[in-house]
C-alpha atoms as a PDB file:
ATOM      1  CA  UNK A   1     303.379  38.522  85.944  1.00  0.00           C
ATOM      2  CA  UNK A   2     304.338  40.260  82.691  1.00  0.00           C
ATOM      3  CA  UNK A   3     300.646  40.600  81.559  1.00  0.00           C
ATOM      4  CA  UNK A   4     300.239  42.305  85.133  1.00  0.00           C
ATOM      5  CA  UNK A   5     303.168  44.874  84.712  1.00  0.00           C
ATOM      6  CA  UNK A   6     302.097  45.350  80.967  1.00  0.00           C
ATOM      7  CA  UNK A   7     298.573  46.461  81.851  1.00  0.00           C
ATOM      8  CA  UNK A   8     299.721  48.529  84.880  1.00  0.00           C
ATOM      9  CA  UNK A   9     301.881  50.371  82.363  1.00  0.00           C
ATOM     10  CA  UNK A  10     298.987  50.938  79.775  1.00  0.00           C
ATOM     11  CA  UNK A  11     296.858  52.089  83.234  1.00  0.00           C
ATOM     12  CA  UNK A  12     299.564  55.007  84.027  1.00  0.00           C
ATOM     13  CA  UNK A  13     299.822  55.767  80.414  1.00  0.00           C
ATOM     14  CA  UNK A  14     296.020  56.460  80.040  1.00  0.00           C
ATOM     15  CA  UNK A  15     296.065  59.019  83.014  1.00  0.00           C
ATOM     16  CA  UNK A  16     299.547  60.557  81.539  1.00  0.00           C
ATOM     17  CA  UNK A  17     299.061  63.913  83.001  1.00  0.00           C
ATOM     18  CA  UNK A  18     301.112  65.395  80.144  1.00  0.00           C
ATOM     19  CA  UNK A  19     298.188  65.590  77.378  1.00  0.00           C
ATOM     20  CA  UNK A  20     295.587  67.181  80.184  1.00  0.00           C
ATOM     21  CA  UNK A  21     298.318  69.764  80.808  1.00  0.00           C
ATOM     22  CA  UNK A  22     298.863  70.801  77.263  1.00  0.00           C
ATOM     23  CA  UNK A  23     294.863  70.707  76.796  1.00  0.00           C
ATOM     24  CA  UNK A  24     294.789  73.245  80.220  1.00  0.00           C
ATOM     25  CA  UNK A  25     297.240  75.528  78.237  1.00  0.00           C
ATOM     26  CA  UNK A  26     295.239  75.342  74.899  1.00  0.00           C
ATOM     27  CA  UNK A  27     292.450  76.341  76.044  1.00  0.00           C
ATOM     28  CA  UNK A  28     293.633  79.512  78.487  1.00  0.00           C
ATOM     29  CA  UNK A  29     295.234  80.627  74.808  1.00  0.00           C
ATOM     30  CA  UNK A  30     292.196  79.776  72.993  1.00  0.00           C
ATOM     31  CA  UNK A  31     289.987  81.694  75.466  1.00  0.00           C
ATOM     32  CA  UNK A  32     292.377  84.646  75.463  1.00  0.00           C
ATOM     33  CA  UNK A  33     292.335  84.577  71.548  1.00  0.00           C
ATOM     34  CA  UNK A  34     288.792  83.984  71.717  1.00  0.00           C
ATOM     35  CA  UNK A  35     288.495  87.857  72.705  1.00  0.00           C
ATOM     36  CA  UNK A  36     287.579  90.302  70.315  1.00  0.00           C
ATOM     37  CA  UNK A  37     288.614  88.289  67.440  1.00  0.00           C
ATOM     38  CA  UNK A  38     289.333  90.362  64.032  1.00  0.00           C
ATOM     39  CA  UNK A  39     285.646  88.642  62.190  1.00  0.00           C
ATOM     40  CA  UNK A  40     283.615  86.821  64.893  1.00  0.00           C
ATOM     41  CA  UNK A  41     281.896  85.412  62.256  1.00  0.00           C
ATOM     42  CA  UNK A  42     284.915  83.817  60.560  1.00  0.00           C
ATOM     43  CA  UNK A  43     286.045  82.727  63.943  1.00  0.00           C
ATOM     44  CA  UNK A  44     283.386  80.540  64.642  1.00  0.00           C
ATOM     45  CA  UNK A  45     283.943  78.785  61.401  1.00  0.00           C
ATOM     46  CA  UNK A  46     287.231  77.976  61.844  1.00  0.00           C
ATOM     47  CA  UNK A  47     286.550  76.663  65.533  1.00  0.00           C
ATOM     48  CA  UNK A  48     283.959  74.321  64.180  1.00  0.00           C
ATOM     49  CA  UNK A  49     286.338  71.612  63.564  1.00  0.00           C
ATOM     50  CA  UNK A  50     288.304  72.613  66.565  1.00  0.00           C
ATOM     51  CA  UNK A  51     285.030  71.951  68.951  1.00  0.00           C
ATOM     52  CA  UNK A  52     284.595  68.714  66.842  1.00  0.00           C
ATOM     53  CA  UNK A  53     287.908  67.102  67.178  1.00  0.00           C
ATOM     54  CA  UNK A  54     287.885  67.941  71.215  1.00  0.00           C
ATOM     55  CA  UNK A  55     286.283  64.754  71.794  1.00  0.00           C
ATOM     56  CA  UNK A  56     287.987  62.359  69.320  1.00  0.00           C
ATOM     57  CA  UNK A  57     291.029  63.515  70.917  1.00  0.00           C
ATOM     58  CA  UNK A  58     289.882  62.742  74.627  1.00  0.00           C
ATOM     59  CA  UNK A  59     288.868  59.158  73.153  1.00  0.00           C
ATOM     60  CA  UNK A  60     292.568  58.540  72.082  1.00  0.00           C
ATOM     61  CA  UNK A  61     293.942  60.029  75.364  1.00  0.00           C
ATOM     62  CA  UNK A  62     291.399  57.291  77.315  1.00  0.00           C
ATOM     63  CA  UNK A  63     292.804  54.577  74.896  1.00  0.00           C
ATOM     64  CA  UNK A  64     296.458  55.509  76.180  1.00  0.00           C
ATOM     65  CA  UNK A  65     299.599  54.070  73.838  1.00  0.00           C
ATOM     66  CA  UNK A  66     299.727  57.900  72.007  1.00  0.00           C
ATOM     67  CA  UNK A  67     303.240  59.231  72.489  1.00  0.00           C
ATOM     68  CA  UNK A  68     304.389  62.343  74.168  1.00  0.00           C
ATOM     69  CA  UNK A  69     305.664  63.699  70.644  1.00  0.00           C
ATOM     70  CA  UNK A  70     302.295  62.948  69.329  1.00  0.00           C
ATOM     71  CA  UNK A  71     300.041  64.967  71.882  1.00  0.00           C
ATOM     72  CA  UNK A  72     302.817  67.703  71.354  1.00  0.00           C
ATOM     73  CA  UNK A  73     302.076  68.061  67.674  1.00  0.00           C
ATOM     74  CA  UNK A  74     298.675  68.375  68.210  1.00  0.00           C
ATOM     75  CA  UNK A  75     299.175  71.123  70.617  1.00  0.00           C
ATOM     76  CA  UNK A  76     301.210  73.180  68.121  1.00  0.00           C
ATOM     77  CA  UNK A  77     299.493  72.558  65.486  1.00  0.00           C
ATOM     78  CA  UNK A  78     295.675  73.844  67.315  1.00  0.00           C
ATOM     79  CA  UNK A  79     298.065  77.055  68.537  1.00  0.00           C
ATOM     80  CA  UNK A  80     299.056  77.908  65.112  1.00  0.00           C
ATOM     81  CA  UNK A  81     295.624  77.274  63.620  1.00  0.00           C
ATOM     82  CA  UNK A  82     293.848  79.600  67.019  1.00  0.00           C
ATOM     83  CA  UNK A  83     295.962  82.271  65.747  1.00  0.00           C
ATOM     84  CA  UNK A  84     294.845  81.895  62.296  1.00  0.00           C
ATOM     85  CA  UNK A  85     291.132  82.008  63.657  1.00  0.00           C
ATOM     86  CA  UNK A  86     291.803  85.231  65.217  1.00  0.00           C
ATOM     87  CA  UNK A  87     293.108  87.315  62.990  1.00  0.00           C
ATOM     88  CA  UNK A  88     291.853  85.394  59.763  1.00  0.00           C
ATOM     89  CA  UNK A  89     294.191  83.693  58.056  1.00  0.00           C
ATOM     90  CA  UNK A  90     295.130  86.130  55.703  1.00  0.00           C
ATOM     91  CA  UNK A  91     295.347  88.872  58.104  1.00  0.00           C
ATOM     92  CA  UNK A  92     298.049  87.401  60.385  1.00  0.00           C
ATOM     93  CA  UNK A  93     300.525  90.018  61.068  1.00  0.00           C
ATOM     94  CA  UNK A  94     303.633  87.246  61.079  1.00  0.00           C
ATOM     95  CA  UNK A  95     305.730  89.614  58.922  1.00  0.00           C
ATOM     96  CA  UNK A  96     305.203  92.487  61.067  1.00  0.00           C
ATOM     97  CA  UNK A  97     306.083  90.517  64.195  1.00  0.00           C
ATOM     98  CA  UNK A  98     309.315  89.738  62.071  1.00  0.00           C
ATOM     99  CA  UNK A  99     310.198  93.292  61.642  1.00  0.00           C
ATOM    100  CA  UNK A 100     309.989  94.372  65.012  1.00  0.00           C
ATOM    101  CA  UNK A 101     312.146  90.718  66.442  1.00  0.00           C
ATOM    102  CA  UNK A 102     314.535  90.940  63.604  1.00  0.00           C
ATOM    103  CA  UNK A 103     314.398  93.906  61.796  1.00  0.00           C
ATOM    104  CA  UNK A 104     313.465  92.765  58.262  1.00  0.00           C
ATOM    105  CA  UNK A 105     310.640  91.992  56.239  1.00  0.00           C
ATOM    106  CA  UNK A 106     310.244  88.384  55.850  1.00  0.00           C
ATOM    107  CA  UNK A 107     307.706  88.703  52.989  1.00  0.00           C
ATOM    108  CA  UNK A 108     310.208  91.137  51.231  1.00  0.00           C
ATOM    109  CA  UNK A 109     313.168  88.747  52.037  1.00  0.00           C
ATOM    110  CA  UNK A 110     311.365  85.927  50.430  1.00  0.00           C
ATOM    111  CA  UNK A 111     309.774  87.224  47.559  1.00  0.00           C
ATOM    112  CA  UNK A 112     306.120  87.010  48.960  1.00  0.00           C
ATOM    113  CA  UNK A 113     303.325  89.035  47.449  1.00  0.00           C
ATOM    114  CA  UNK A 114     300.494  87.413  49.576  1.00  0.00           C
ATOM    115  CA  UNK A 115     300.036  86.501  53.492  1.00  0.00           C
ATOM    116  CA  UNK A 116     301.518  83.071  53.813  1.00  0.00           C
ATOM    117  CA  UNK A 117     300.565  82.032  57.134  1.00  0.00           C
ATOM    118  CA  UNK A 118     297.672  79.645  55.704  1.00  0.00           C
ATOM    119  CA  UNK A 119     300.049  77.918  53.556  1.00  0.00           C
ATOM    120  CA  UNK A 120     302.325  77.412  56.971  1.00  0.00           C
ATOM    121  CA  UNK A 121     299.601  76.208  58.543  1.00  0.00           C
ATOM    122  CA  UNK A 122     298.800  73.524  55.935  1.00  0.00           C
ATOM    123  CA  UNK A 123     302.295  72.460  55.870  1.00  0.00           C
ATOM    124  CA  UNK A 124     302.301  72.011  59.798  1.00  0.00           C
ATOM    125  CA  UNK A 125     298.870  69.622  59.556  1.00  0.00           C
ATOM    126  CA  UNK A 126     300.682  67.217  57.721  1.00  0.00           C
ATOM    127  CA  UNK A 127     304.173  67.851  60.000  1.00  0.00           C
ATOM    128  CA  UNK A 128     302.782  68.022  63.264  1.00  0.00           C
ATOM    129  CA  UNK A 129     299.649  65.361  63.349  1.00  0.00           C
ATOM    130  CA  UNK A 130     301.590  62.556  61.101  1.00  0.00           C
ATOM    131  CA  UNK A 131     302.793  61.085  64.505  1.00  0.00           C
ATOM    132  CA  UNK A 132     299.253  60.937  65.937  1.00  0.00           C
ATOM    133  CA  UNK A 133     297.628  59.233  63.028  1.00  0.00           C
ATOM    134  CA  UNK A 134     300.524  57.082  62.507  1.00  0.00           C
ATOM    135  CA  UNK A 135     300.572  55.573  65.948  1.00  0.00           C
ATOM    136  CA  UNK A 136     296.569  55.437  65.470  1.00  0.00           C
ATOM    137  CA  UNK A 137     297.235  53.274  62.088  1.00  0.00           C
ATOM    138  CA  UNK A 138     299.475  51.621  64.364  1.00  0.00           C
ATOM    139  CA  UNK A 139     297.397  50.135  66.273  1.00  0.00           C
ATOM    140  CA  UNK A 140     296.144  48.023  63.476  1.00  0.00           C
ATOM    141  CA  UNK A 141     299.308  47.355  61.669  1.00  0.00           C
ATOM    142  CA  UNK A 142     302.685  46.313  62.518  1.00  0.00           C
ATOM    143  CA  UNK A 143     305.403  49.131  63.122  1.00  0.00           C
ATOM    144  CA  UNK A 144     307.509  49.470  59.925  1.00  0.00           C
ATOM    145  CA  UNK A 145     305.618  48.166  57.185  1.00  0.00           C
ATOM    146  CA  UNK A 146     304.589  49.683  53.888  1.00  0.00           C
ATOM    147  CA  UNK A 147     300.843  50.280  55.119  1.00  0.00           C
ATOM    148  CA  UNK A 148     302.387  51.649  58.453  1.00  0.00           C
ATOM    149  CA  UNK A 149     304.145  54.414  56.364  1.00  0.00           C
ATOM    150  CA  UNK A 150     301.985  54.627  53.705  1.00  0.00           C
ATOM    151  CA  UNK A 151     298.346  54.849  54.977  1.00  0.00           C
ATOM    152  CA  UNK A 152     299.203  58.172  57.515  1.00  0.00           C
ATOM    153  CA  UNK A 153     300.609  60.169  54.628  1.00  0.00           C
ATOM    154  CA  UNK A 154     297.618  59.165  52.179  1.00  0.00           C
ATOM    155  CA  UNK A 155     294.994  60.270  55.448  1.00  0.00           C
ATOM    156  CA  UNK A 156     296.677  63.353  55.815  1.00  0.00           C
ATOM    157  CA  UNK A 157     296.081  64.192  51.947  1.00  0.00           C
ATOM    158  CA  UNK A 158     292.335  62.814  51.993  1.00  0.00           C
ATOM    159  CA  UNK A 159     292.151  65.333  54.823  1.00  0.00           C
ATOM    160  CA  UNK A 160     293.618  68.084  53.478  1.00  0.00           C
ATOM    161  CA  UNK A 161     291.325  67.381  49.861  1.00  0.00           C
ATOM    162  CA  UNK A 162     288.124  67.376  52.549  1.00  0.00           C
ATOM    163  CA  UNK A 163     289.158  70.704  53.957  1.00  0.00           C
ATOM    164  CA  UNK A 164     289.284  72.130  50.736  1.00  0.00           C
ATOM    165  CA  UNK A 165     285.852  70.848  49.449  1.00  0.00           C
ATOM    166  CA  UNK A 166     284.659  72.048  53.165  1.00  0.00           C
ATOM    167  CA  UNK A 167     286.010  75.675  52.505  1.00  0.00           C
ATOM    168  CA  UNK A 168     284.760  75.527  48.452  1.00  0.00           C
ATOM    169  CA  UNK A 169     281.160  74.261  50.042  1.00  0.00           C
ATOM    170  CA  UNK A 170     281.333  77.359  52.274  1.00  0.00           C
ATOM    171  CA  UNK A 171     282.291  79.570  49.817  1.00  0.00           C
ATOM    172  CA  UNK A 172     279.751  79.347  47.468  1.00  0.00           C
ATOM    173  CA  UNK A 173     276.761  78.985  50.414  1.00  0.00           C
ATOM    174  CA  UNK A 174     277.826  81.744  52.528  1.00  0.00           C
ATOM    175  CA  UNK A 175     277.662  85.614  52.198  1.00  0.00           C
ATOM    176  CA  UNK A 176     280.135  86.769  49.441  1.00  0.00           C
ATOM    177  CA  UNK A 177     282.650  88.417  52.135  1.00  0.00           C
ATOM    178  CA  UNK A 178     282.417  85.370  54.750  1.00  0.00           C
ATOM    179  CA  UNK A 179     282.963  82.810  52.158  1.00  0.00           C
ATOM    180  CA  UNK A 180     285.844  84.399  50.681  1.00  0.00           C
ATOM    181  CA  UNK A 181     287.241  85.595  54.127  1.00  0.00           C
ATOM    182  CA  UNK A 182     286.941  81.790  54.909  1.00  0.00           C
ATOM    183  CA  UNK A 183     288.126  80.576  51.766  1.00  0.00           C
ATOM    184  CA  UNK A 184     291.481  82.956  52.116  1.00  0.00           C
ATOM    185  CA  UNK A 185     292.749  82.445  48.626  1.00  0.00           C
ATOM    186  CA  UNK A 186     293.543  85.587  48.181  1.00  0.00           C
ATOM    187  CA  UNK A 187     293.133  85.874  44.448  1.00  0.00           C
ATOM    188  CA  UNK A 188     295.196  82.501  43.551  1.00  0.00           C
ATOM    189  CA  UNK A 189     293.244  80.559  41.207  1.00  0.00           C
ATOM    190  CA  UNK A 190     295.810  77.143  42.465  1.00  0.00           C
ATOM    191  CA  UNK A 191     295.424  77.898  46.276  1.00  0.00           C
ATOM    192  CA  UNK A 192     293.569  74.810  47.002  1.00  0.00           C
ATOM    193  CA  UNK A 193     295.773  72.451  45.118  1.00  0.00           C
ATOM    194  CA  UNK A 194     299.118  74.165  46.938  1.00  0.00           C
ATOM    195  CA  UNK A 195     297.663  73.984  50.425  1.00  0.00           C
ATOM    196  CA  UNK A 196     297.177  69.958  49.858  1.00  0.00           C
ATOM    197  CA  UNK A 197     300.811  69.883  47.833  1.00  0.00           C
ATOM    198  CA  UNK A 198     302.048  71.896  51.248  1.00  0.00           C
ATOM    199  CA  UNK A 199     299.858  69.061  53.618  1.00  0.00           C
ATOM    200  CA  UNK A 200     301.888  66.224  51.552  1.00  0.00           C
ATOM    201  CA  UNK A 201     304.877  67.699  51.895  1.00  0.00           C
ATOM    202  CA  UNK A 202     304.434  68.355  55.786  1.00  0.00           C
ATOM    203  CA  UNK A 203     303.618  64.819  55.992  1.00  0.00           C
ATOM    204  CA  UNK A 204     306.308  63.227  53.820  1.00  0.00           C
ATOM    205  CA  UNK A 205     308.920  65.362  55.948  1.00  0.00           C
ATOM    206  CA  UNK A 206     307.617  63.887  59.082  1.00  0.00           C
ATOM    207  CA  UNK A 207     307.604  60.522  57.839  1.00  0.00           C
ATOM    208  CA  UNK A 208     311.387  61.043  56.697  1.00  0.00           C
ATOM    209  CA  UNK A 209     312.163  62.403  60.075  1.00  0.00           C
ATOM    210  CA  UNK A 210     311.793  59.426  61.464  1.00  0.00           C
ATOM    211  CA  UNK A 211     308.342  60.208  62.788  1.00  0.00           C
ATOM    212  CA  UNK A 212     307.231  56.442  62.481  1.00  0.00           C
ATOM    213  CA  UNK A 213     309.268  55.319  65.035  1.00  0.00           C
ATOM    214  CA  UNK A 214     308.295  57.481  68.109  1.00  0.00           C
END
């Protein structure tokens, strides 16, 4: 009887409409920002990974056992990434938005000399996607073990490193202007290392906040 009840619960979770509504909301937002982006070629490059990851997310949804918190993290990350793709990351006018909403310059207040939106999204990659990766890894490893805590963080770090390699390859194979726009280093020779560190910090923060016990 317990097995039947458990199977029924899993069946319901597979068809949890929360993830579907998040997906529909994201698609509406994505279509809106797909209209007249700042740089159409860069927008296309930034959205290659988005289109590639959607079937993977659909597979996880079908298998079930993914929490609403994890889906919410994926949704928020994709929203921030979509904004970056629309404006190109180095031109997102977050500082102007801050001045309109709060009446002061965030960049000036924090002493920033470059557009920091890409740094923010790299941090969010670790912070918001760790719950999903942890829950997927948790299918193979028991909860609250060293491997269950360590492997998701290492996956985030490896993804961050792999993405920096993709950016580097794009920068040397595409046209100079498009390659530099996609790379988004803004003249910082340590841009790749800083991005990877921020993704790692985001993952560690999520882990320390209890993202492994969802």
